[in-house]
């Protein structure tokens, strides 16, 4: 059976078009035309990735994502016709992994889906399944980590992969472009500020368990690095 995707969009025609196209690519598809049905359906029939519209009746995409993040850290891609940059930042701040504006080409959408799903499953075939750096321990198969023995809540796949990249080489500064290339792939088009949104979310989640957390350090005008705790 193929990997399973939920399409959540009140545009029935778009849902059906995407369902047919993605089924031809080998995916299993569940479609929902409102957020309430989607949340109930995903609880009953979990999926590997969700495509989520913003402007929907009753429950908009932002509200769906907030509730979805309480259930799962699976990859979520926003599909939206809105052009306001604030909306893009808001979606990423809430924990979306990617953001694609309508209209989009099917090829771009499929490449983004496959990139996220590859990253989600990459740990299953790797020889190294755990990584430790001082107070940080990362389970590369379960996409979970602990800081000072405490579980870091609700890291998304993208947040985990960015963290893993920086933690692998403490002290090494990674530019935003490098992070995009090494986490998503060189063919992936993304704006630099999206990395800033993901970084902010990572830090917020660490501060839940440690208000003094400061290991993910910005380097002005360049990017980010992971610094080891003082002994």
C-alpha atoms as a PDB file:
ATOM      1  CA  UNK A   1       0.000   0.000   0.000  1.00  0.00           C
ATOM      2  CA  UNK A   2       1.189   3.533  -0.754  1.00  0.00           C
ATOM      3  CA  UNK A   3       1.758   6.322   1.702  1.00  0.00           C
ATOM      4  CA  UNK A   4      -1.439   8.037   2.736  1.00  0.00           C
ATOM      5  CA  UNK A   5      -2.275  11.719   2.223  1.00  0.00           C
ATOM      6  CA  UNK A   6      -5.222  13.778   3.471  1.00  0.00           C
ATOM      7  CA  UNK A   7      -6.453  16.600   1.224  1.00  0.00           C
ATOM      8  CA  UNK A   8      -8.421  19.195   3.210  1.00  0.00           C
ATOM      9  CA  UNK A   9      -9.990  21.861   0.999  1.00  0.00           C
ATOM     10  CA  UNK A  10     -13.555  23.136   0.556  1.00  0.00           C
ATOM     11  CA  UNK A  11     -13.027  23.272  -3.214  1.00  0.00           C
ATOM     12  CA  UNK A  12     -14.520  19.908  -4.187  1.00  0.00           C
ATOM     13  CA  UNK A  13     -13.258  20.143  -7.755  1.00  0.00           C
ATOM     14  CA  UNK A  14      -9.682  20.715  -6.599  1.00  0.00           C
ATOM     15  CA  UNK A  15      -9.940  17.872  -4.082  1.00  0.00           C
ATOM     16  CA  UNK A  16     -11.064  15.470  -6.787  1.00  0.00           C
ATOM     17  CA  UNK A  17      -8.401  16.617  -9.261  1.00  0.00           C
ATOM     18  CA  UNK A  18      -5.653  16.206  -6.677  1.00  0.00           C
ATOM     19  CA  UNK A  19      -7.072  12.872  -5.541  1.00  0.00           C
ATOM     20  CA  UNK A  20      -6.908  11.482  -9.074  1.00  0.00           C
ATOM     21  CA  UNK A  21      -3.445  12.882  -9.777  1.00  0.00           C
ATOM     22  CA  UNK A  22      -1.888  11.716  -6.506  1.00  0.00           C
ATOM     23  CA  UNK A  23      -3.514   8.306  -6.763  1.00  0.00           C
ATOM     24  CA  UNK A  24      -1.780   7.928 -10.133  1.00  0.00           C
ATOM     25  CA  UNK A  25       1.491   8.658  -8.302  1.00  0.00           C
ATOM     26  CA  UNK A  26       0.903   5.711  -5.972  1.00  0.00           C
ATOM     27  CA  UNK A  27      -0.495   7.525  -2.923  1.00  0.00           C
ATOM     28  CA  UNK A  28      -3.603   6.602  -0.956  1.00  0.00           C
ATOM     29  CA  UNK A  29      -5.859   9.637  -0.632  1.00  0.00           C
ATOM     30  CA  UNK A  30      -8.549  10.742   1.824  1.00  0.00           C
ATOM     31  CA  UNK A  31     -10.368  13.983   0.954  1.00  0.00           C
ATOM     32  CA  UNK A  32     -12.244  16.337   3.289  1.00  0.00           C
ATOM     33  CA  UNK A  33     -14.134  19.527   2.431  1.00  0.00           C
ATOM     34  CA  UNK A  34     -14.143  20.955   5.955  1.00  0.00           C
ATOM     35  CA  UNK A  35     -11.799  20.954   8.916  1.00  0.00           C
ATOM     36  CA  UNK A  36     -14.108  19.278  11.426  1.00  0.00           C
ATOM     37  CA  UNK A  37     -14.564  16.187   9.267  1.00  0.00           C
ATOM     38  CA  UNK A  38     -10.832  16.135   8.564  1.00  0.00           C
ATOM     39  CA  UNK A  39      -9.847  16.124  12.238  1.00  0.00           C
ATOM     40  CA  UNK A  40     -12.283  13.324  13.025  1.00  0.00           C
ATOM     41  CA  UNK A  41     -11.260  11.337   9.958  1.00  0.00           C
ATOM     42  CA  UNK A  42      -7.529  11.646  10.595  1.00  0.00           C
ATOM     43  CA  UNK A  43      -7.992  10.437  14.164  1.00  0.00           C
ATOM     44  CA  UNK A  44      -9.814   7.360  12.867  1.00  0.00           C
ATOM     45  CA  UNK A  45      -7.593   6.829   9.796  1.00  0.00           C
ATOM     46  CA  UNK A  46      -4.123   8.323  10.379  1.00  0.00           C
ATOM     47  CA  UNK A  47      -2.230   9.632   7.358  1.00  0.00           C
ATOM     48  CA  UNK A  48       1.416  10.305   6.536  1.00  0.00           C
ATOM     49  CA  UNK A  49       0.952  13.885   5.278  1.00  0.00           C
ATOM     50  CA  UNK A  50      -1.786  16.500   4.960  1.00  0.00           C
ATOM     51  CA  UNK A  51      -2.463  19.127   2.295  1.00  0.00           C
ATOM     52  CA  UNK A  52      -4.411  21.895   4.004  1.00  0.00           C
ATOM     53  CA  UNK A  53      -6.262  24.932   2.661  1.00  0.00           C
ATOM     54  CA  UNK A  54      -6.543  28.097   4.793  1.00  0.00           C
ATOM     55  CA  UNK A  55      -9.855  29.649   3.756  1.00  0.00           C
ATOM     56  CA  UNK A  56     -12.533  27.129   4.707  1.00  0.00           C
ATOM     57  CA  UNK A  57     -15.958  27.558   6.357  1.00  0.00           C
ATOM     58  CA  UNK A  58     -16.592  26.709  10.012  1.00  0.00           C
ATOM     59  CA  UNK A  59     -12.963  25.915  10.807  1.00  0.00           C
ATOM     60  CA  UNK A  60     -10.155  27.602   8.900  1.00  0.00           C
ATOM     61  CA  UNK A  61      -6.820  26.027   8.091  1.00  0.00           C
ATOM     62  CA  UNK A  62      -4.984  27.719  10.956  1.00  0.00           C
ATOM     63  CA  UNK A  63      -7.471  26.311  13.485  1.00  0.00           C
ATOM     64  CA  UNK A  64      -7.255  22.874  11.890  1.00  0.00           C
ATOM     65  CA  UNK A  65      -3.453  22.940  12.131  1.00  0.00           C
ATOM     66  CA  UNK A  66      -3.536  23.991  15.802  1.00  0.00           C
ATOM     67  CA  UNK A  67      -5.736  21.003  16.633  1.00  0.00           C
ATOM     68  CA  UNK A  68      -3.889  18.666  14.294  1.00  0.00           C
ATOM     69  CA  UNK A  69      -0.581  19.411  16.003  1.00  0.00           C
ATOM     70  CA  UNK A  70      -2.061  18.060  19.247  1.00  0.00           C
ATOM     71  CA  UNK A  71      -2.625  14.750  17.464  1.00  0.00           C
ATOM     72  CA  UNK A  72       0.423  14.347  15.232  1.00  0.00           C
ATOM     73  CA  UNK A  73       3.773  15.771  14.093  1.00  0.00           C
ATOM     74  CA  UNK A  74       3.182  14.532  10.527  1.00  0.00           C
ATOM     75  CA  UNK A  75       4.183  16.862   7.667  1.00  0.00           C
ATOM     76  CA  UNK A  76       1.595  19.494   6.723  1.00  0.00           C
ATOM     77  CA  UNK A  77       1.678  21.564   3.535  1.00  0.00           C
ATOM     78  CA  UNK A  78      -0.544  24.637   3.295  1.00  0.00           C
ATOM     79  CA  UNK A  79      -2.198  25.138  -0.094  1.00  0.00           C
ATOM     80  CA  UNK A  80      -3.665  28.611  -0.359  1.00  0.00           C
ATOM     81  CA  UNK A  81      -4.572  31.367  -2.770  1.00  0.00           C
ATOM     82  CA  UNK A  82      -3.920  34.039  -0.158  1.00  0.00           C
ATOM     83  CA  UNK A  83      -1.009  36.355  -0.976  1.00  0.00           C
ATOM     84  CA  UNK A  84      -0.426  37.987   2.400  1.00  0.00           C
ATOM     85  CA  UNK A  85       3.088  37.245   3.703  1.00  0.00           C
ATOM     86  CA  UNK A  86       1.768  37.497   7.263  1.00  0.00           C
ATOM     87  CA  UNK A  87      -0.421  34.472   6.588  1.00  0.00           C
ATOM     88  CA  UNK A  88       2.565  32.490   5.334  1.00  0.00           C
ATOM     89  CA  UNK A  89       4.579  33.309   8.439  1.00  0.00           C
ATOM     90  CA  UNK A  90       1.605  32.543  10.674  1.00  0.00           C
ATOM     91  CA  UNK A  91       1.179  29.117   9.111  1.00  0.00           C
ATOM     92  CA  UNK A  92       4.823  28.219   9.580  1.00  0.00           C
ATOM     93  CA  UNK A  93       4.790  29.579  13.127  1.00  0.00           C
ATOM     94  CA  UNK A  94       1.900  27.233  13.911  1.00  0.00           C
ATOM     95  CA  UNK A  95       3.953  24.262  12.743  1.00  0.00           C
ATOM     96  CA  UNK A  96       3.321  23.823   9.024  1.00  0.00           C
ATOM     97  CA  UNK A  97       6.225  22.233   7.147  1.00  0.00           C
ATOM     98  CA  UNK A  98       5.703  23.949   3.817  1.00  0.00           C
ATOM     99  CA  UNK A  99       3.529  26.495   2.039  1.00  0.00           C
ATOM    100  CA  UNK A 100       2.497  26.429  -1.630  1.00  0.00           C
ATOM    101  CA  UNK A 101       0.519  29.215  -3.263  1.00  0.00           C
ATOM    102  CA  UNK A 102      -2.327  28.516  -5.693  1.00  0.00           C
ATOM    103  CA  UNK A 103      -2.188  28.158  -8.610  1.00  0.00           C
ATOM    104  CA  UNK A 104       0.658  25.637  -8.536  1.00  0.00           C
ATOM    105  CA  UNK A 105       1.918  22.977 -10.904  1.00  0.00           C
ATOM    106  CA  UNK A 106       1.344  19.330 -10.088  1.00  0.00           C
ATOM    107  CA  UNK A 107       5.067  18.647 -10.527  1.00  0.00           C
ATOM    108  CA  UNK A 108       6.006  21.165  -7.832  1.00  0.00           C
ATOM    109  CA  UNK A 109       3.429  19.767  -5.424  1.00  0.00           C
ATOM    110  CA  UNK A 110       4.551  16.163  -5.934  1.00  0.00           C
ATOM    111  CA  UNK A 111       8.222  17.061  -5.464  1.00  0.00           C
ATOM    112  CA  UNK A 112       7.411  18.862  -2.207  1.00  0.00           C
ATOM    113  CA  UNK A 113       5.327  15.918  -0.972  1.00  0.00           C
ATOM    114  CA  UNK A 114       8.031  13.382  -1.800  1.00  0.00           C
ATOM    115  CA  UNK A 115      10.744  15.521  -0.181  1.00  0.00           C
ATOM    116  CA  UNK A 116       8.834  15.708   3.099  1.00  0.00           C
ATOM    117  CA  UNK A 117       7.957  12.017   3.095  1.00  0.00           C
ATOM    118  CA  UNK A 118      11.581  11.045   2.330  1.00  0.00           C
ATOM    119  CA  UNK A 119      12.773  13.014   5.316  1.00  0.00           C
ATOM    120  CA  UNK A 120      10.107  11.488   7.518  1.00  0.00           C
ATOM    121  CA  UNK A 121      11.168   7.935   6.648  1.00  0.00           C
ATOM    122  CA  UNK A 122      14.927   8.499   6.306  1.00  0.00           C
ATOM    123  CA  UNK A 123      15.707   7.417   9.842  1.00  0.00           C
ATOM    124  CA  UNK A 124      14.313   3.949   9.260  1.00  0.00           C
ATOM    125  CA  UNK A 125      17.140   2.967   6.898  1.00  0.00           C
ATOM    126  CA  UNK A 126      20.026   4.759   8.571  1.00  0.00           C
ATOM    127  CA  UNK A 127      22.605   2.923  10.684  1.00  0.00           C
ATOM    128  CA  UNK A 128      22.777   5.662  13.320  1.00  0.00           C
ATOM    129  CA  UNK A 129      19.518   5.758  15.226  1.00  0.00           C
ATOM    130  CA  UNK A 130      20.544   7.996  18.135  1.00  0.00           C
ATOM    131  CA  UNK A 131      22.625  11.127  18.470  1.00  0.00           C
ATOM    132  CA  UNK A 132      23.767  12.843  21.658  1.00  0.00           C
ATOM    133  CA  UNK A 133      25.347  16.235  22.199  1.00  0.00           C
ATOM    134  CA  UNK A 134      25.717  17.113  25.859  1.00  0.00           C
ATOM    135  CA  UNK A 135      22.260  17.501  27.382  1.00  0.00           C
ATOM    136  CA  UNK A 136      20.545  16.784  24.058  1.00  0.00           C
ATOM    137  CA  UNK A 137      19.598  13.268  22.958  1.00  0.00           C
ATOM    138  CA  UNK A 138      17.904  12.662  19.598  1.00  0.00           C
ATOM    139  CA  UNK A 139      16.086   9.486  18.539  1.00  0.00           C
ATOM    140  CA  UNK A 140      16.497   9.550  14.751  1.00  0.00           C
ATOM    141  CA  UNK A 141      13.954   6.798  14.156  1.00  0.00           C
ATOM    142  CA  UNK A 142      11.139   8.148  16.312  1.00  0.00           C
ATOM    143  CA  UNK A 143      11.827  11.827  15.526  1.00  0.00           C
ATOM    144  CA  UNK A 144      11.887  12.641  19.212  1.00  0.00           C
ATOM    145  CA  UNK A 145      14.441  14.279  21.448  1.00  0.00           C
ATOM    146  CA  UNK A 146      15.082  15.062  25.092  1.00  0.00           C
ATOM    147  CA  UNK A 147      16.839  18.013  26.690  1.00  0.00           C
ATOM    148  CA  UNK A 148      18.274  17.518  30.175  1.00  0.00           C
ATOM    149  CA  UNK A 149      16.230  14.333  30.405  1.00  0.00           C
ATOM    150  CA  UNK A 150      12.930  16.028  29.509  1.00  0.00           C
ATOM    151  CA  UNK A 151      10.954  15.314  26.344  1.00  0.00           C
ATOM    152  CA  UNK A 152      10.718  18.164  23.828  1.00  0.00           C
ATOM    153  CA  UNK A 153       7.044  18.311  22.812  1.00  0.00           C
ATOM    154  CA  UNK A 154       5.593  18.163  19.321  1.00  0.00           C
ATOM    155  CA  UNK A 155       8.603  18.722  17.062  1.00  0.00           C
ATOM    156  CA  UNK A 156       7.528  18.525  13.432  1.00  0.00           C
ATOM    157  CA  UNK A 157       9.539  16.585  10.866  1.00  0.00           C
ATOM    158  CA  UNK A 158      11.004  19.802   9.457  1.00  0.00           C
ATOM    159  CA  UNK A 159      11.910  21.177  12.881  1.00  0.00           C
ATOM    160  CA  UNK A 160      13.591  17.896  13.794  1.00  0.00           C
ATOM    161  CA  UNK A 161      15.604  17.796  10.558  1.00  0.00           C
ATOM    162  CA  UNK A 162      16.814  21.396  10.983  1.00  0.00           C
ATOM    163  CA  UNK A 163      17.817  20.647  14.554  1.00  0.00           C
ATOM    164  CA  UNK A 164      19.616  17.463  13.513  1.00  0.00           C
ATOM    165  CA  UNK A 165      21.570  19.304  10.819  1.00  0.00           C
ATOM    166  CA  UNK A 166      22.824  21.954  13.252  1.00  0.00           C
ATOM    167  CA  UNK A 167      23.496  19.519  16.091  1.00  0.00           C
ATOM    168  CA  UNK A 168      25.639  17.221  13.917  1.00  0.00           C
ATOM    169  CA  UNK A 169      28.391  19.847  13.823  1.00  0.00           C
ATOM    170  CA  UNK A 170      28.217  22.054  16.905  1.00  0.00           C
ATOM    171  CA  UNK A 171      29.640  25.527  16.405  1.00  0.00           C
ATOM    172  CA  UNK A 172      29.447  25.384  12.591  1.00  0.00           C
ATOM    173  CA  UNK A 173      27.346  28.214  11.184  1.00  0.00           C
ATOM    174  CA  UNK A 174      24.787  27.159   8.579  1.00  0.00           C
ATOM    175  CA  UNK A 175      23.320  29.837   6.342  1.00  0.00           C
ATOM    176  CA  UNK A 176      19.597  29.805   5.647  1.00  0.00           C
ATOM    177  CA  UNK A 177      20.300  28.731   2.060  1.00  0.00           C
ATOM    178  CA  UNK A 178      22.478  25.858   3.296  1.00  0.00           C
ATOM    179  CA  UNK A 179      19.752  24.728   5.667  1.00  0.00           C
ATOM    180  CA  UNK A 180      17.211  24.731   2.841  1.00  0.00           C
ATOM    181  CA  UNK A 181      19.557  22.788   0.503  1.00  0.00           C
ATOM    182  CA  UNK A 182      20.641  20.222   3.102  1.00  0.00           C
ATOM    183  CA  UNK A 183      17.247  19.647   4.723  1.00  0.00           C
ATOM    184  CA  UNK A 184      14.908  19.964   1.721  1.00  0.00           C
ATOM    185  CA  UNK A 185      17.231  19.365  -1.229  1.00  0.00           C
ATOM    186  CA  UNK A 186      18.925  21.701  -3.746  1.00  0.00           C
ATOM    187  CA  UNK A 187      15.893  21.684  -6.071  1.00  0.00           C
ATOM    188  CA  UNK A 188      13.617  23.004  -3.334  1.00  0.00           C
ATOM    189  CA  UNK A 189      12.478  26.644  -3.619  1.00  0.00           C
ATOM    190  CA  UNK A 190      11.796  28.319  -0.278  1.00  0.00           C
ATOM    191  CA  UNK A 191      12.163  31.801   1.128  1.00  0.00           C
ATOM    192  CA  UNK A 192      14.856  32.404   3.759  1.00  0.00           C
ATOM    193  CA  UNK A 193      12.425  33.746   6.342  1.00  0.00           C
ATOM    194  CA  UNK A 194      10.668  30.378   6.463  1.00  0.00           C
ATOM    195  CA  UNK A 195      13.782  28.997   8.165  1.00  0.00           C
ATOM    196  CA  UNK A 196      13.529  31.801  10.733  1.00  0.00           C
ATOM    197  CA  UNK A 197       9.956  30.738  11.519  1.00  0.00           C
ATOM    198  CA  UNK A 198      10.984  27.106  11.989  1.00  0.00           C
ATOM    199  CA  UNK A 199      13.893  28.163  14.215  1.00  0.00           C
ATOM    200  CA  UNK A 200      11.583  30.250  16.388  1.00  0.00           C
ATOM    201  CA  UNK A 201       9.282  27.277  16.855  1.00  0.00           C
ATOM    202  CA  UNK A 202      12.169  25.003  17.839  1.00  0.00           C
ATOM    203  CA  UNK A 203      13.383  27.461  20.466  1.00  0.00           C
ATOM    204  CA  UNK A 204       9.858  27.929  21.856  1.00  0.00           C
ATOM    205  CA  UNK A 205       9.483  24.183  22.328  1.00  0.00           C
ATOM    206  CA  UNK A 206      12.829  23.850  24.113  1.00  0.00           C
ATOM    207  CA  UNK A 207      11.945  26.763  26.387  1.00  0.00           C
ATOM    208  CA  UNK A 208       8.829  24.883  27.510  1.00  0.00           C
ATOM    209  CA  UNK A 209      11.117  22.485  29.385  1.00  0.00           C
ATOM    210  CA  UNK A 210      14.038  24.872  29.972  1.00  0.00           C
ATOM    211  CA  UNK A 211      13.352  28.641  30.047  1.00  0.00           C
ATOM    212  CA  UNK A 212      17.120  29.276  29.990  1.00  0.00           C
ATOM    213  CA  UNK A 213      17.676  27.370  26.741  1.00  0.00           C
ATOM    214  CA  UNK A 214      20.024  29.282  24.403  1.00  0.00           C
ATOM    215  CA  UNK A 215      21.913  26.625  22.422  1.00  0.00           C
ATOM    216  CA  UNK A 216      20.352  27.411  19.031  1.00  0.00           C
ATOM    217  CA  UNK A 217      22.170  30.639  18.323  1.00  0.00           C
ATOM    218  CA  UNK A 218      21.594  33.157  15.510  1.00  0.00           C
ATOM    219  CA  UNK A 219      24.629  34.579  13.729  1.00  0.00           C
ATOM    220  CA  UNK A 220      23.622  37.998  12.461  1.00  0.00           C
ATOM    221  CA  UNK A 221      23.521  38.266   8.683  1.00  0.00           C
ATOM    222  CA  UNK A 222      24.564  34.634   8.183  1.00  0.00           C
ATOM    223  CA  UNK A 223      22.362  31.947   9.739  1.00  0.00           C
ATOM    224  CA  UNK A 224      22.325  29.679  12.776  1.00  0.00           C
ATOM    225  CA  UNK A 225      24.517  27.319  14.774  1.00  0.00           C
ATOM    226  CA  UNK A 226      24.201  24.925  17.704  1.00  0.00           C
ATOM    227  CA  UNK A 227      26.462  25.712  20.642  1.00  0.00           C
ATOM    228  CA  UNK A 228      27.284  23.126  23.288  1.00  0.00           C
ATOM    229  CA  UNK A 229      26.295  23.719  26.898  1.00  0.00           C
ATOM    230  CA  UNK A 230      29.038  24.905  29.201  1.00  0.00           C
ATOM    231  CA  UNK A 231      30.453  21.987  31.228  1.00  0.00           C
END
